mmCIF file of all heavy atoms, coordinates in Angstrom:
data_MODEL
# 
_entry.id   MODEL 
# 
loop_
_atom_site.group_PDB 
_atom_site.id 
_atom_site.type_symbol 
_atom_site.label_atom_id 
_atom_site.label_alt_id 
_atom_site.label_comp_id 
_atom_site.label_asym_id 
_atom_site.label_entity_id 
_atom_site.label_seq_id 
_atom_site.pdbx_PDB_ins_code 
_atom_site.Cartn_x 
_atom_site.Cartn_y 
_atom_site.Cartn_z 
_atom_site.occupancy 
_atom_site.B_iso_or_equiv 
_atom_site.pdbx_formal_charge 
_atom_site.auth_seq_id 
_atom_site.auth_comp_id 
_atom_site.auth_asym_id 
_atom_site.auth_atom_id 
_atom_site.pdbx_PDB_model_num 
ATOM 1   N N   . ALA A 1 1  ? 93.994  103.678 100.207 1.00 0.00 ? 1  ALA A N   1 
ATOM 2   C CA  . ALA A 1 1  ? 92.673  103.916 99.637  1.00 0.00 ? 1  ALA A CA  1 
ATOM 3   C C   . ALA A 1 1  ? 92.641  105.261 98.927  1.00 0.00 ? 1  ALA A C   1 
ATOM 4   O O   . ALA A 1 1  ? 91.997  105.415 97.891  1.00 0.00 ? 1  ALA A O   1 
ATOM 5   C CB  . ALA A 1 1  ? 91.610  103.863 100.725 1.00 0.00 ? 1  ALA A CB  1 
ATOM 6   N N   . VAL A 1 2  ? 93.353  106.232 99.460  1.00 0.00 ? 2  VAL A N   1 
ATOM 7   C CA  . VAL A 1 2  ? 93.431  107.543 98.837  1.00 0.00 ? 2  VAL A CA  1 
ATOM 8   C C   . VAL A 1 2  ? 94.060  107.437 97.453  1.00 0.00 ? 2  VAL A C   1 
ATOM 9   O O   . VAL A 1 2  ? 93.735  108.187 96.544  1.00 0.00 ? 2  VAL A O   1 
ATOM 10  C CB  . VAL A 1 2  ? 94.255  108.505 99.723  1.00 0.00 ? 2  VAL A CB  1 
ATOM 11  C CG1 . VAL A 1 2  ? 94.542  109.809 99.021  1.00 0.00 ? 2  VAL A CG1 1 
ATOM 12  C CG2 . VAL A 1 2  ? 93.533  108.741 101.034 1.00 0.00 ? 2  VAL A CG2 1 
ATOM 13  N N   . LEU A 1 3  ? 94.933  106.466 97.273  1.00 0.00 ? 3  LEU A N   1 
ATOM 14  C CA  . LEU A 1 3  ? 95.620  106.279 96.004  1.00 0.00 ? 3  LEU A CA  1 
ATOM 15  C C   . LEU A 1 3  ? 94.850  105.383 95.050  1.00 0.00 ? 3  LEU A C   1 
ATOM 16  O O   . LEU A 1 3  ? 95.331  105.049 93.984  1.00 0.00 ? 3  LEU A O   1 
ATOM 17  C CB  . LEU A 1 3  ? 97.010  105.694 96.260  1.00 0.00 ? 3  LEU A CB  1 
ATOM 18  C CG  . LEU A 1 3  ? 97.893  106.554 97.145  1.00 0.00 ? 3  LEU A CG  1 
ATOM 19  C CD1 . LEU A 1 3  ? 99.157  105.814 97.520  1.00 0.00 ? 3  LEU A CD1 1 
ATOM 20  C CD2 . LEU A 1 3  ? 98.216  107.869 96.482  1.00 0.00 ? 3  LEU A CD2 1 
ATOM 21  N N   . GLY A 1 4  ? 93.661  104.964 95.452  1.00 0.00 ? 4  GLY A N   1 
ATOM 22  C CA  . GLY A 1 4  ? 92.829  104.153 94.576  1.00 0.00 ? 4  GLY A CA  1 
ATOM 23  C C   . GLY A 1 4  ? 92.990  102.654 94.746  1.00 0.00 ? 4  GLY A C   1 
ATOM 24  O O   . GLY A 1 4  ? 92.508  101.887 93.934  1.00 0.00 ? 4  GLY A O   1 
ATOM 25  N N   . LEU A 1 5  ? 93.644  102.209 95.792  1.00 0.00 ? 5  LEU A N   1 
ATOM 26  C CA  . LEU A 1 5  ? 93.817  100.781 96.042  1.00 0.00 ? 5  LEU A CA  1 
ATOM 27  C C   . LEU A 1 5  ? 92.687  100.319 96.942  1.00 0.00 ? 5  LEU A C   1 
ATOM 28  O O   . LEU A 1 5  ? 92.610  100.715 98.098  1.00 0.00 ? 5  LEU A O   1 
ATOM 29  C CB  . LEU A 1 5  ? 95.169  100.519 96.704  1.00 0.00 ? 5  LEU A CB  1 
ATOM 30  C CG  . LEU A 1 5  ? 95.498  99.079  97.065  1.00 0.00 ? 5  LEU A CG  1 
ATOM 31  C CD1 . LEU A 1 5  ? 95.494  98.208  95.822  1.00 0.00 ? 5  LEU A CD1 1 
ATOM 32  C CD2 . LEU A 1 5  ? 96.837  99.002  97.742  1.00 0.00 ? 5  LEU A CD2 1 
ATOM 33  N N   . GLY A 1 6  ? 91.793  99.513  96.428  1.00 0.00 ? 6  GLY A N   1 
ATOM 34  C CA  . GLY A 1 6  ? 90.676  99.009  97.216  1.00 0.00 ? 6  GLY A CA  1 
ATOM 35  C C   . GLY A 1 6  ? 91.114  97.958  98.201  1.00 0.00 ? 6  GLY A C   1 
ATOM 36  O O   . GLY A 1 6  ? 92.145  97.315  98.032  1.00 0.00 ? 6  GLY A O   1 
ATOM 37  N N   . SER A 1 7  ? 90.314  97.743  99.251  1.00 0.00 ? 7  SER A N   1 
ATOM 38  C CA  . SER A 1 7  ? 90.707  96.788  100.289 1.00 0.00 ? 7  SER A CA  1 
ATOM 39  C C   . SER A 1 7  ? 90.776  95.362  99.770  1.00 0.00 ? 7  SER A C   1 
ATOM 40  O O   . SER A 1 7  ? 91.599  94.582  100.211 1.00 0.00 ? 7  SER A O   1 
ATOM 41  C CB  . SER A 1 7  ? 89.762  96.883  101.483 1.00 0.00 ? 7  SER A CB  1 
ATOM 42  O OG  . SER A 1 7  ? 88.450  96.552  101.096 1.00 0.00 ? 7  SER A OG  1 
ATOM 43  N N   . ALA A 1 8  ? 89.935  94.999  98.785  1.00 0.00 ? 8  ALA A N   1 
ATOM 44  C CA  . ALA A 1 8  ? 89.995  93.646  98.226  1.00 0.00 ? 8  ALA A CA  1 
ATOM 45  C C   . ALA A 1 8  ? 91.342  93.424  97.532  1.00 0.00 ? 8  ALA A C   1 
ATOM 46  O O   . ALA A 1 8  ? 91.958  92.373  97.669  1.00 0.00 ? 8  ALA A O   1 
ATOM 47  C CB  . ALA A 1 8  ? 88.856  93.425  97.250  1.00 0.00 ? 8  ALA A CB  1 
ATOM 48  N N   . ASP A 1 9  ? 91.814  94.435  96.777  1.00 0.00 ? 9  ASP A N   1 
ATOM 49  C CA  . ASP A 1 9  ? 93.109  94.337  96.118  1.00 0.00 ? 9  ASP A CA  1 
ATOM 50  C C   . ASP A 1 9  ? 94.225  94.259  97.150  1.00 0.00 ? 9  ASP A C   1 
ATOM 51  O O   . ASP A 1 9  ? 95.172  93.501  97.005  1.00 0.00 ? 9  ASP A O   1 
ATOM 52  C CB  . ASP A 1 9  ? 93.368  95.560  95.237  1.00 0.00 ? 9  ASP A CB  1 
ATOM 53  C CG  . ASP A 1 9  ? 92.399  95.650  94.078  1.00 0.00 ? 9  ASP A CG  1 
ATOM 54  O OD1 . ASP A 1 9  ? 92.017  94.597  93.543  1.00 0.00 ? 9  ASP A OD1 1 
ATOM 55  O OD2 . ASP A 1 9  ? 92.031  96.774  93.718  1.00 0.00 ? 9  ASP A OD2 1 
ATOM 56  N N   . ALA A 1 10 ? 94.110  95.073  98.182  1.00 0.00 ? 10 ALA A N   1 
ATOM 57  C CA  . ALA A 1 10 ? 95.169  95.179  99.184  1.00 0.00 ? 10 ALA A CA  1 
ATOM 58  C C   . ALA A 1 10 ? 95.350  93.895  99.974  1.00 0.00 ? 10 ALA A C   1 
ATOM 59  O O   . ALA A 1 10 ? 96.460  93.541  100.332 1.00 0.00 ? 10 ALA A O   1 
ATOM 60  C CB  . ALA A 1 10 ? 94.863  96.321  100.136 1.00 0.00 ? 10 ALA A CB  1 
ATOM 61  N N   . GLU A 1 11 ? 94.279  93.180  100.242 1.00 0.00 ? 11 GLU A N   1 
ATOM 62  C CA  . GLU A 1 11 ? 94.373  91.951  101.027 1.00 0.00 ? 11 GLU A CA  1 
ATOM 63  C C   . GLU A 1 11 ? 95.241  90.908  100.331 1.00 0.00 ? 11 GLU A C   1 
ATOM 64  O O   . GLU A 1 11 ? 95.812  90.054  100.970 1.00 0.00 ? 11 GLU A O   1 
ATOM 65  C CB  . GLU A 1 11 ? 92.976  91.382  101.286 1.00 0.00 ? 11 GLU A CB  1 
ATOM 66  C CG  . GLU A 1 11 ? 92.089  92.285  102.115 1.00 0.00 ? 11 GLU A CG  1 
ATOM 67  C CD  . GLU A 1 11 ? 92.610  92.541  103.514 1.00 0.00 ? 11 GLU A CD  1 
ATOM 68  O OE1 . GLU A 1 11 ? 93.229  91.647  104.114 1.00 0.00 ? 11 GLU A OE1 1 
ATOM 69  O OE2 . GLU A 1 11 ? 92.419  93.663  104.006 1.00 0.00 ? 11 GLU A OE2 1 
ATOM 70  N N   . ALA A 1 12 ? 95.348  90.969  99.005  1.00 0.00 ? 12 ALA A N   1 
ATOM 71  C CA  . ALA A 1 12 ? 96.102  89.982  98.254  1.00 0.00 ? 12 ALA A CA  1 
ATOM 72  C C   . ALA A 1 12 ? 97.597  90.296  98.167  1.00 0.00 ? 12 ALA A C   1 
ATOM 73  O O   . ALA A 1 12 ? 98.371  89.464  97.719  1.00 0.00 ? 12 ALA A O   1 
ATOM 74  C CB  . ALA A 1 12 ? 95.523  89.874  96.845  1.00 0.00 ? 12 ALA A CB  1 
ATOM 75  N N   . LEU A 1 13 ? 98.010  91.486  98.571  1.00 0.00 ? 13 LEU A N   1 
ATOM 76  C CA  . LEU A 1 13 ? 99.423  91.860  98.457  1.00 0.00 ? 13 LEU A CA  1 
ATOM 77  C C   . LEU A 1 13 ? 100.266 91.141  99.500  1.00 0.00 ? 13 LEU A C   1 
ATOM 78  O O   . LEU A 1 13 ? 99.937  91.137  100.682 1.00 0.00 ? 13 LEU A O   1 
ATOM 79  C CB  . LEU A 1 13 ? 99.594  93.369  98.643  1.00 0.00 ? 13 LEU A CB  1 
ATOM 80  C CG  . LEU A 1 13 ? 98.996  94.262  97.572  1.00 0.00 ? 13 LEU A CG  1 
ATOM 81  C CD1 . LEU A 1 13 ? 99.201  95.725  97.945  1.00 0.00 ? 13 LEU A CD1 1 
ATOM 82  C CD2 . LEU A 1 13 ? 99.581  93.967  96.214  1.00 0.00 ? 13 LEU A CD2 1 
ATOM 83  N N   . PRO A 1 14 ? 101.402 90.551  99.086  1.00 0.00 ? 14 PRO A N   1 
ATOM 84  C CA  . PRO A 1 14 ? 102.298 89.934  100.063 1.00 0.00 ? 14 PRO A CA  1 
ATOM 85  C C   . PRO A 1 14 ? 103.019 91.000  100.882 1.00 0.00 ? 14 PRO A C   1 
ATOM 86  O O   . PRO A 1 14 ? 103.318 92.075  100.384 1.00 0.00 ? 14 PRO A O   1 
ATOM 87  C CB  . PRO A 1 14 ? 103.286 89.152  99.195  1.00 0.00 ? 14 PRO A CB  1 
ATOM 88  C CG  . PRO A 1 14 ? 103.220 89.795  97.855  1.00 0.00 ? 14 PRO A CG  1 
ATOM 89  C CD  . PRO A 1 14 ? 101.845 90.378  97.718  1.00 0.00 ? 14 PRO A CD  1 
ATOM 90  N N   . VAL A 1 15 ? 103.276 90.697  102.151 1.00 0.00 ? 15 VAL A N   1 
ATOM 91  C CA  . VAL A 1 15 ? 103.957 91.622  103.055 1.00 0.00 ? 15 VAL A CA  1 
ATOM 92  C C   . VAL A 1 15 ? 105.308 91.033  103.425 1.00 0.00 ? 15 VAL A C   1 
ATOM 93  O O   . VAL A 1 15 ? 105.403 89.859  103.789 1.00 0.00 ? 15 VAL A O   1 
ATOM 94  C CB  . VAL A 1 15 ? 103.119 91.872  104.331 1.00 0.00 ? 15 VAL A CB  1 
ATOM 95  C CG1 . VAL A 1 15 ? 103.867 92.759  105.308 1.00 0.00 ? 15 VAL A CG1 1 
ATOM 96  C CG2 . VAL A 1 15 ? 101.771 92.466  103.969 1.00 0.00 ? 15 VAL A CG2 1 
ATOM 97  N N   . ALA A 1 16 ? 106.382 91.850  103.325 1.00 0.00 ? 16 ALA A N   1 
ATOM 98  C CA  . ALA A 1 16 ? 107.731 91.382  103.649 1.00 0.00 ? 16 ALA A CA  1 
ATOM 99  C C   . ALA A 1 16 ? 108.460 92.433  104.479 1.00 0.00 ? 16 ALA A C   1 
ATOM 100 O O   . ALA A 1 16 ? 108.217 93.624  104.336 1.00 0.00 ? 16 ALA A O   1 
ATOM 101 C CB  . ALA A 1 16 ? 108.511 91.116  102.369 1.00 0.00 ? 16 ALA A CB  1 
ATOM 102 N N   . MET A 1 17 ? 109.341 91.967  105.361 1.00 0.00 ? 17 MET A N   1 
ATOM 103 C CA  . MET A 1 17 ? 110.215 92.854  106.112 1.00 0.00 ? 17 MET A CA  1 
ATOM 104 C C   . MET A 1 17 ? 111.494 93.026  105.303 1.00 0.00 ? 17 MET A C   1 
ATOM 105 O O   . MET A 1 17 ? 112.061 92.042  104.807 1.00 0.00 ? 17 MET A O   1 
ATOM 106 C CB  . MET A 1 17 ? 110.539 92.278  107.486 1.00 0.00 ? 17 MET A CB  1 
ATOM 107 C CG  . MET A 1 17 ? 109.330 92.042  108.358 1.00 0.00 ? 17 MET A CG  1 
ATOM 108 S SD  . MET A 1 17 ? 108.383 93.545  108.608 1.00 0.00 ? 17 MET A SD  1 
ATOM 109 C CE  . MET A 1 17 ? 106.844 92.864  109.159 1.00 0.00 ? 17 MET A CE  1 
ATOM 110 N N   . ILE A 1 18 ? 111.941 94.270  105.131 1.00 0.00 ? 18 ILE A N   1 
ATOM 111 C CA  . ILE A 1 18 ? 113.129 94.559  104.323 1.00 0.00 ? 18 ILE A CA  1 
ATOM 112 C C   . ILE A 1 18 ? 114.046 95.503  105.078 1.00 0.00 ? 18 ILE A C   1 
ATOM 113 O O   . ILE A 1 18 ? 113.679 96.041  106.121 1.00 0.00 ? 18 ILE A O   1 
ATOM 114 C CB  . ILE A 1 18 ? 112.741 95.184  102.964 1.00 0.00 ? 18 ILE A CB  1 
ATOM 115 C CG1 . ILE A 1 18 ? 112.002 96.506  103.186 1.00 0.00 ? 18 ILE A CG1 1 
ATOM 116 C CG2 . ILE A 1 18 ? 111.931 94.218  102.132 1.00 0.00 ? 18 ILE A CG2 1 
ATOM 117 C CD1 . ILE A 1 18 ? 111.767 97.303  101.920 1.00 0.00 ? 18 ILE A CD1 1 
ATOM 118 N N   . ALA A 1 19 ? 115.220 95.737  104.536 1.00 0.00 ? 19 ALA A N   1 
ATOM 119 C CA  . ALA A 1 19 ? 116.154 96.722  105.075 1.00 0.00 ? 19 ALA A CA  1 
ATOM 120 C C   . ALA A 1 19 ? 116.750 97.495  103.914 1.00 0.00 ? 19 ALA A C   1 
ATOM 121 O O   . ALA A 1 19 ? 117.221 96.893  102.948 1.00 0.00 ? 19 ALA A O   1 
ATOM 122 C CB  . ALA A 1 19 ? 117.259 96.041  105.876 1.00 0.00 ? 19 ALA A CB  1 
ATOM 123 N N   . GLY A 1 20 ? 116.675 98.809  103.996 1.00 0.00 ? 20 GLY A N   1 
ATOM 124 C CA  . GLY A 1 20 ? 117.255 99.650  102.950 1.00 0.00 ? 20 GLY A CA  1 
ATOM 125 C C   . GLY A 1 20 ? 118.741 99.831  103.175 1.00 0.00 ? 20 GLY A C   1 
ATOM 126 O O   . GLY A 1 20 ? 119.278 99.544  104.244 1.00 0.00 ? 20 GLY A O   1 
ATOM 127 N N   . ALA A 1 21 ? 119.414 100.330 102.157 1.00 0.00 ? 21 ALA A N   1 
ATOM 128 C CA  . ALA A 1 21 ? 120.844 100.609 102.255 1.00 0.00 ? 21 ALA A CA  1 
ATOM 129 C C   . ALA A 1 21 ? 121.049 102.112 102.332 1.00 0.00 ? 21 ALA A C   1 
ATOM 130 O O   . ALA A 1 21 ? 120.276 102.880 101.776 1.00 0.00 ? 21 ALA A O   1 
ATOM 131 C CB  . ALA A 1 21 ? 121.560 100.057 101.023 1.00 0.00 ? 21 ALA A CB  1 
ATOM 132 N N   . GLY A 1 22 ? 122.066 102.532 103.048 1.00 0.00 ? 22 GLY A N   1 
ATOM 133 C CA  . GLY A 1 22 ? 122.383 103.949 103.139 1.00 0.00 ? 22 GLY A CA  1 
ATOM 134 C C   . GLY A 1 22 ? 122.117 104.511 104.521 1.00 0.00 ? 22 GLY A C   1 
ATOM 135 O O   . GLY A 1 22 ? 121.744 103.803 105.444 1.00 0.00 ? 22 GLY A O   1 
ATOM 136 N N   . ALA A 1 23 ? 122.313 105.825 104.637 1.00 0.00 ? 23 ALA A N   1 
ATOM 137 C CA  . ALA A 1 23 ? 122.124 106.522 105.910 1.00 0.00 ? 23 ALA A CA  1 
ATOM 138 C C   . ALA A 1 23 ? 120.645 106.590 106.266 1.00 0.00 ? 23 ALA A C   1 
ATOM 139 O O   . ALA A 1 23 ? 119.782 106.441 105.404 1.00 0.00 ? 23 ALA A O   1 
ATOM 140 C CB  . ALA A 1 23 ? 122.707 107.933 105.811 1.00 0.00 ? 23 ALA A CB  1 
ATOM 141 N N   . ALA A 1 24 ? 120.351 106.861 107.532 1.00 0.00 ? 24 ALA A N   1 
ATOM 142 C CA  . ALA A 1 24 ? 118.974 106.896 108.014 1.00 0.00 ? 24 ALA A CA  1 
ATOM 143 C C   . ALA A 1 24 ? 118.123 107.927 107.278 1.00 0.00 ? 24 ALA A C   1 
ATOM 144 O O   . ALA A 1 24 ? 116.939 107.721 107.067 1.00 0.00 ? 24 ALA A O   1 
ATOM 145 C CB  . ALA A 1 24 ? 118.946 107.176 109.509 1.00 0.00 ? 24 ALA A CB  1 
# 
């Protein structure tokens, strides 16, 4: 919300579990 993303917009975003590459 601080970045200007309203909750209505946010509800439509897909959520996925990912894994990055590289060291921690």
